[in-house]
Amino acid sequence: MDLSEVARLLDRKWNDDIVPRLVDYVKIPAKSPAFDPSWSAHGELDAVIKAAHAWCARQPIKDLKLEIVCLPGKTPCLYFEVPDTERLLA
């Protein structure tokens, strides 16, 4: 394995894919009810969580399980689970 190629791939993924998404995320005006009591009605957090779910689902991660968890009155949460390496190699 060429570690310099792995580093270039990770750098490219980080700079071209992840950083722009983080920049877009911090522009969202409501991160919690403390910032915007009407966050649910405004829908920004629902749009963000759906976009994050879609992005995660496109990643080539074996056995990735994704779920958007929504509890009444609470901001949505993206839950994900990936089996440990030993299980994947077994």
N, C-alpha and C. Protein backbone atom coordinates (compact mmCIF):
# COMPACT_ATOMS: atom_id res chain seq x y z
N MET A 1 0.84 -1.18 0.00
CA MET A 1 0.00 0.00 0.00
C MET A 1 0.89 1.24 0.00
N ASP A 2 0.61 2.14 -0.91
CA ASP A 2 1.36 3.38 -1.02
C ASP A 2 0.71 4.42 -0.09
N LEU A 3 1.34 4.66 1.05
CA LEU A 3 0.76 5.56 2.04
C LEU A 3 0.67 7.00 1.55
N SER A 4 1.58 7.40 0.69
CA SER A 4 1.48 8.77 0.16
C SER A 4 0.25 8.92 -0.73
N GLU A 5 -0.11 7.87 -1.46
CA GLU A 5 -1.32 7.91 -2.27
C GLU A 5 -2.57 7.93 -1.39
N VAL A 6 -2.54 7.17 -0.31
CA VAL A 6 -3.66 7.17 0.65
C VAL A 6 -3.81 8.57 1.24
N ALA A 7 -2.71 9.20 1.61
CA ALA A 7 -2.75 10.55 2.18
C ALA A 7 -3.32 11.54 1.17
N ARG A 8 -2.93 11.43 -0.10
CA ARG A 8 -3.46 12.32 -1.14
C ARG A 8 -4.96 12.10 -1.31
N LEU A 9 -5.40 10.85 -1.30
CA LEU A 9 -6.82 10.54 -1.43
C LEU A 9 -7.62 11.13 -0.27
N LEU A 10 -7.11 10.96 0.95
CA LEU A 10 -7.80 11.50 2.12
C LEU A 10 -7.82 13.02 2.12
N ASP A 11 -6.71 13.64 1.73
CA ASP A 11 -6.66 15.09 1.64
C ASP A 11 -7.67 15.61 0.63
N ARG A 12 -7.74 14.95 -0.51
CA ARG A 12 -8.68 15.37 -1.56
C ARG A 12 -10.13 15.21 -1.08
N LYS A 13 -10.42 14.09 -0.43
CA LYS A 13 -11.77 13.85 0.10
C LYS A 13 -12.13 14.93 1.13
N TRP A 14 -11.20 15.20 2.03
CA TRP A 14 -11.44 16.20 3.07
C TRP A 14 -11.67 17.58 2.45
N ASN A 15 -10.76 18.02 1.59
CA ASN A 15 -10.82 19.37 1.03
C ASN A 15 -11.96 19.56 0.02
N ASP A 16 -12.23 18.56 -0.80
CA ASP A 16 -13.20 18.72 -1.89
C ASP A 16 -14.62 18.30 -1.51
N ASP A 17 -14.77 17.47 -0.50
CA ASP A 17 -16.09 16.93 -0.18
C ASP A 17 -16.57 17.32 1.21
N ILE A 18 -15.72 17.15 2.21
CA ILE A 18 -16.16 17.34 3.59
C ILE A 18 -16.15 18.81 4.00
N VAL A 19 -15.07 19.52 3.73
CA VAL A 19 -14.99 20.93 4.15
C VAL A 19 -16.13 21.77 3.58
N PRO A 20 -16.44 21.67 2.27
CA PRO A 20 -17.58 22.46 1.78
C PRO A 20 -18.90 22.14 2.50
N ARG A 21 -19.10 20.90 2.87
CA ARG A 21 -20.32 20.53 3.60
C ARG A 21 -20.32 21.14 5.01
N LEU A 22 -19.17 21.15 5.65
CA LEU A 22 -19.08 21.76 6.98
C LEU A 22 -19.33 23.27 6.90
N VAL A 23 -18.80 23.90 5.86
CA VAL A 23 -19.03 25.34 5.66
C VAL A 23 -20.52 25.61 5.49
N ASP A 24 -21.19 24.80 4.68
CA ASP A 24 -22.64 24.97 4.50
C ASP A 24 -23.38 24.74 5.81
N TYR A 25 -22.93 23.77 6.59
CA TYR A 25 -23.60 23.45 7.85
C TYR A 25 -23.54 24.63 8.83
N VAL A 26 -22.37 25.25 8.97
CA VAL A 26 -22.27 26.33 9.96
C VAL A 26 -23.07 27.56 9.54
N LYS A 27 -23.51 27.62 8.30
CA LYS A 27 -24.36 28.73 7.85
C LYS A 27 -25.81 28.56 8.31
N ILE A 28 -26.19 27.36 8.71
CA ILE A 28 -27.57 27.10 9.13
C ILE A 28 -27.83 27.88 10.43
N PRO A 29 -28.90 28.69 10.46
CA PRO A 29 -29.12 29.56 11.62
C PRO A 29 -29.57 28.84 12.89
N ALA A 30 -30.06 27.63 12.81
CA ALA A 30 -30.59 26.96 14.00
C ALA A 30 -29.84 25.67 14.24
N LYS A 31 -29.09 25.61 15.31
CA LYS A 31 -28.42 24.36 15.68
C LYS A 31 -29.12 23.70 16.87
N SER A 32 -29.95 24.48 17.56
CA SER A 32 -30.68 23.95 18.70
C SER A 32 -31.85 24.89 18.99
N PRO A 33 -32.79 24.47 19.81
CA PRO A 33 -33.90 25.34 20.18
C PRO A 33 -33.44 26.65 20.83
N ALA A 34 -32.26 26.66 21.46
CA ALA A 34 -31.76 27.88 22.10
C ALA A 34 -31.47 28.97 21.06
N PHE A 35 -31.09 28.58 19.84
CA PHE A 35 -30.80 29.55 18.78
C PHE A 35 -32.06 29.98 18.05
N ASP A 36 -33.00 29.07 17.88
CA ASP A 36 -34.22 29.38 17.13
C ASP A 36 -35.35 28.54 17.70
N PRO A 37 -36.18 29.14 18.55
CA PRO A 37 -37.28 28.37 19.15
C PRO A 37 -38.24 27.77 18.11
N SER A 38 -38.27 28.34 16.91
CA SER A 38 -39.16 27.83 15.85
C SER A 38 -38.40 26.97 14.84
N TRP A 39 -37.32 26.35 15.28
CA TRP A 39 -36.46 25.57 14.39
C TRP A 39 -37.25 24.51 13.63
N SER A 40 -38.19 23.87 14.28
CA SER A 40 -38.93 22.80 13.62
C SER A 40 -39.77 23.35 12.46
N ALA A 41 -40.44 24.46 12.69
CA ALA A 41 -41.27 25.07 11.64
C ALA A 41 -40.44 25.59 10.48
N HIS A 42 -39.22 26.06 10.77
CA HIS A 42 -38.37 26.62 9.72
C HIS A 42 -37.76 25.56 8.81
N GLY A 43 -37.51 24.37 9.33
CA GLY A 43 -37.09 23.24 8.51
C GLY A 43 -35.63 23.15 8.13
N GLU A 44 -34.81 24.10 8.57
CA GLU A 44 -33.38 24.04 8.18
C GLU A 44 -32.70 22.78 8.70
N LEU A 45 -32.98 22.43 9.95
CA LEU A 45 -32.31 21.25 10.52
C LEU A 45 -32.78 19.97 9.85
N ASP A 46 -34.04 19.90 9.47
CA ASP A 46 -34.52 18.71 8.75
C ASP A 46 -33.79 18.58 7.41
N ALA A 47 -33.61 19.71 6.71
CA ALA A 47 -32.90 19.68 5.43
C ALA A 47 -31.46 19.25 5.61
N VAL A 48 -30.81 19.75 6.65
CA VAL A 48 -29.40 19.41 6.91
C VAL A 48 -29.26 17.93 7.24
N ILE A 49 -30.13 17.42 8.10
CA ILE A 49 -30.00 16.02 8.52
C ILE A 49 -30.28 15.08 7.35
N LYS A 50 -31.23 15.45 6.49
CA LYS A 50 -31.50 14.63 5.31
C LYS A 50 -30.32 14.65 4.34
N ALA A 51 -29.71 15.81 4.17
CA ALA A 51 -28.53 15.91 3.29
C ALA A 51 -27.36 15.10 3.86
N ALA A 52 -27.17 15.17 5.17
CA ALA A 52 -26.09 14.39 5.81
C ALA A 52 -26.35 12.89 5.68
N HIS A 53 -27.58 12.48 5.85
CA HIS A 53 -27.96 11.07 5.70
C HIS A 53 -27.67 10.61 4.27
N ALA A 54 -28.07 11.41 3.29
CA ALA A 54 -27.84 11.05 1.89
C ALA A 54 -26.35 10.95 1.59
N TRP A 55 -25.55 11.89 2.11
CA TRP A 55 -24.11 11.86 1.88
C TRP A 55 -23.50 10.61 2.49
N CYS A 56 -23.86 10.32 3.73
CA CYS A 56 -23.33 9.12 4.40
C CYS A 56 -23.71 7.85 3.64
N ALA A 57 -24.95 7.80 3.15
CA ALA A 57 -25.42 6.61 2.44
C ALA A 57 -24.64 6.38 1.15
N ARG A 58 -24.10 7.44 0.56
CA ARG A 58 -23.32 7.30 -0.68
C ARG A 58 -21.89 6.82 -0.44
N GLN A 59 -21.45 6.80 0.80
CA GLN A 59 -20.07 6.41 1.09
C GLN A 59 -19.93 4.89 1.00
N PRO A 60 -18.82 4.44 0.46
CA PRO A 60 -18.63 2.99 0.29
C PRO A 60 -18.16 2.32 1.59
N ILE A 61 -19.03 2.30 2.58
CA ILE A 61 -18.69 1.71 3.88
C ILE A 61 -19.53 0.46 4.06
N LYS A 62 -18.85 -0.66 4.12
CA LYS A 62 -19.52 -1.95 4.22
C LYS A 62 -20.36 -2.03 5.50
N ASP A 63 -21.59 -2.49 5.35
CA ASP A 63 -22.51 -2.74 6.46
C ASP A 63 -22.86 -1.49 7.27
N LEU A 64 -22.73 -0.31 6.67
CA LEU A 64 -23.11 0.93 7.35
C LEU A 64 -24.62 0.95 7.56
N LYS A 65 -25.03 1.24 8.79
CA LYS A 65 -26.45 1.38 9.11
C LYS A 65 -26.68 2.84 9.50
N LEU A 66 -27.69 3.45 8.88
CA LEU A 66 -28.00 4.86 9.12
C LEU A 66 -29.45 5.01 9.55
N GLU A 67 -29.67 5.97 10.42
CA GLU A 67 -31.04 6.26 10.83
C GLU A 67 -31.12 7.71 11.30
N ILE A 68 -32.16 8.40 10.89
CA ILE A 68 -32.43 9.72 11.43
C ILE A 68 -33.37 9.51 12.62
N VAL A 69 -32.92 9.95 13.79
CA VAL A 69 -33.70 9.78 15.01
C VAL A 69 -34.35 11.12 15.33
N CYS A 70 -35.67 11.10 15.47
CA CYS A 70 -36.44 12.31 15.79
C CYS A 70 -37.29 12.05 17.01
N LEU A 71 -37.00 12.76 18.08
CA LEU A 71 -37.81 12.69 19.29
C LEU A 71 -38.64 13.97 19.39
N PRO A 72 -39.86 13.89 19.85
CA PRO A 72 -40.72 15.08 19.94
C PRO A 72 -40.04 16.23 20.69
N GLY A 73 -40.00 17.40 20.05
CA GLY A 73 -39.43 18.59 20.68
C GLY A 73 -37.92 18.67 20.68
N LYS A 74 -37.26 17.66 20.13
CA LYS A 74 -35.78 17.63 20.10
C LYS A 74 -35.31 17.75 18.66
N THR A 75 -34.12 18.33 18.49
CA THR A 75 -33.56 18.43 17.14
C THR A 75 -33.21 17.03 16.63
N PRO A 76 -33.28 16.81 15.31
CA PRO A 76 -33.00 15.48 14.76
C PRO A 76 -31.53 15.11 14.93
N CYS A 77 -31.30 13.82 14.95
CA CYS A 77 -29.95 13.29 15.15
C CYS A 77 -29.69 12.21 14.12
N LEU A 78 -28.50 12.21 13.56
CA LEU A 78 -28.12 11.17 12.61
C LEU A 78 -27.36 10.09 13.39
N TYR A 79 -27.95 8.92 13.43
CA TYR A 79 -27.33 7.77 14.11
C TYR A 79 -26.72 6.89 13.04
N PHE A 80 -25.48 6.48 13.25
CA PHE A 80 -24.86 5.53 12.32
C PHE A 80 -24.09 4.49 13.10
N GLU A 81 -24.01 3.32 12.49
CA GLU A 81 -23.32 2.19 13.11
C GLU A 81 -22.53 1.48 12.03
N VAL A 82 -21.27 1.16 12.36
CA VAL A 82 -20.39 0.41 11.47
C VAL A 82 -19.78 -0.72 12.30
N PRO A 83 -19.86 -1.94 11.80
CA PRO A 83 -19.27 -3.06 12.54
C PRO A 83 -17.77 -2.85 12.74
N ASP A 84 -17.24 -3.40 13.82
CA ASP A 84 -15.81 -3.26 14.07
C ASP A 84 -14.98 -4.04 13.05
N THR A 85 -13.71 -3.72 12.96
CA THR A 85 -12.84 -4.31 11.96
C THR A 85 -12.72 -5.81 12.11
N GLU A 86 -12.62 -6.30 13.34
CA GLU A 86 -12.47 -7.74 13.54
C GLU A 86 -13.65 -8.49 12.93
N ARG A 87 -14.84 -7.96 13.14
CA ARG A 87 -16.03 -8.62 12.60
C ARG A 87 -16.03 -8.60 11.08
N LEU A 88 -15.56 -7.50 10.50
CA LEU A 88 -15.51 -7.40 9.04
C LEU A 88 -14.50 -8.39 8.45
N LEU A 89 -13.44 -8.66 9.19
CA LEU A 89 -12.39 -9.54 8.68
C LEU A 89 -12.67 -11.01 8.96
N ALA A 90 -13.63 -11.27 9.84
CA ALA A 90 -13.91 -12.66 10.24
C ALA A 90 -14.66 -13.41 9.15
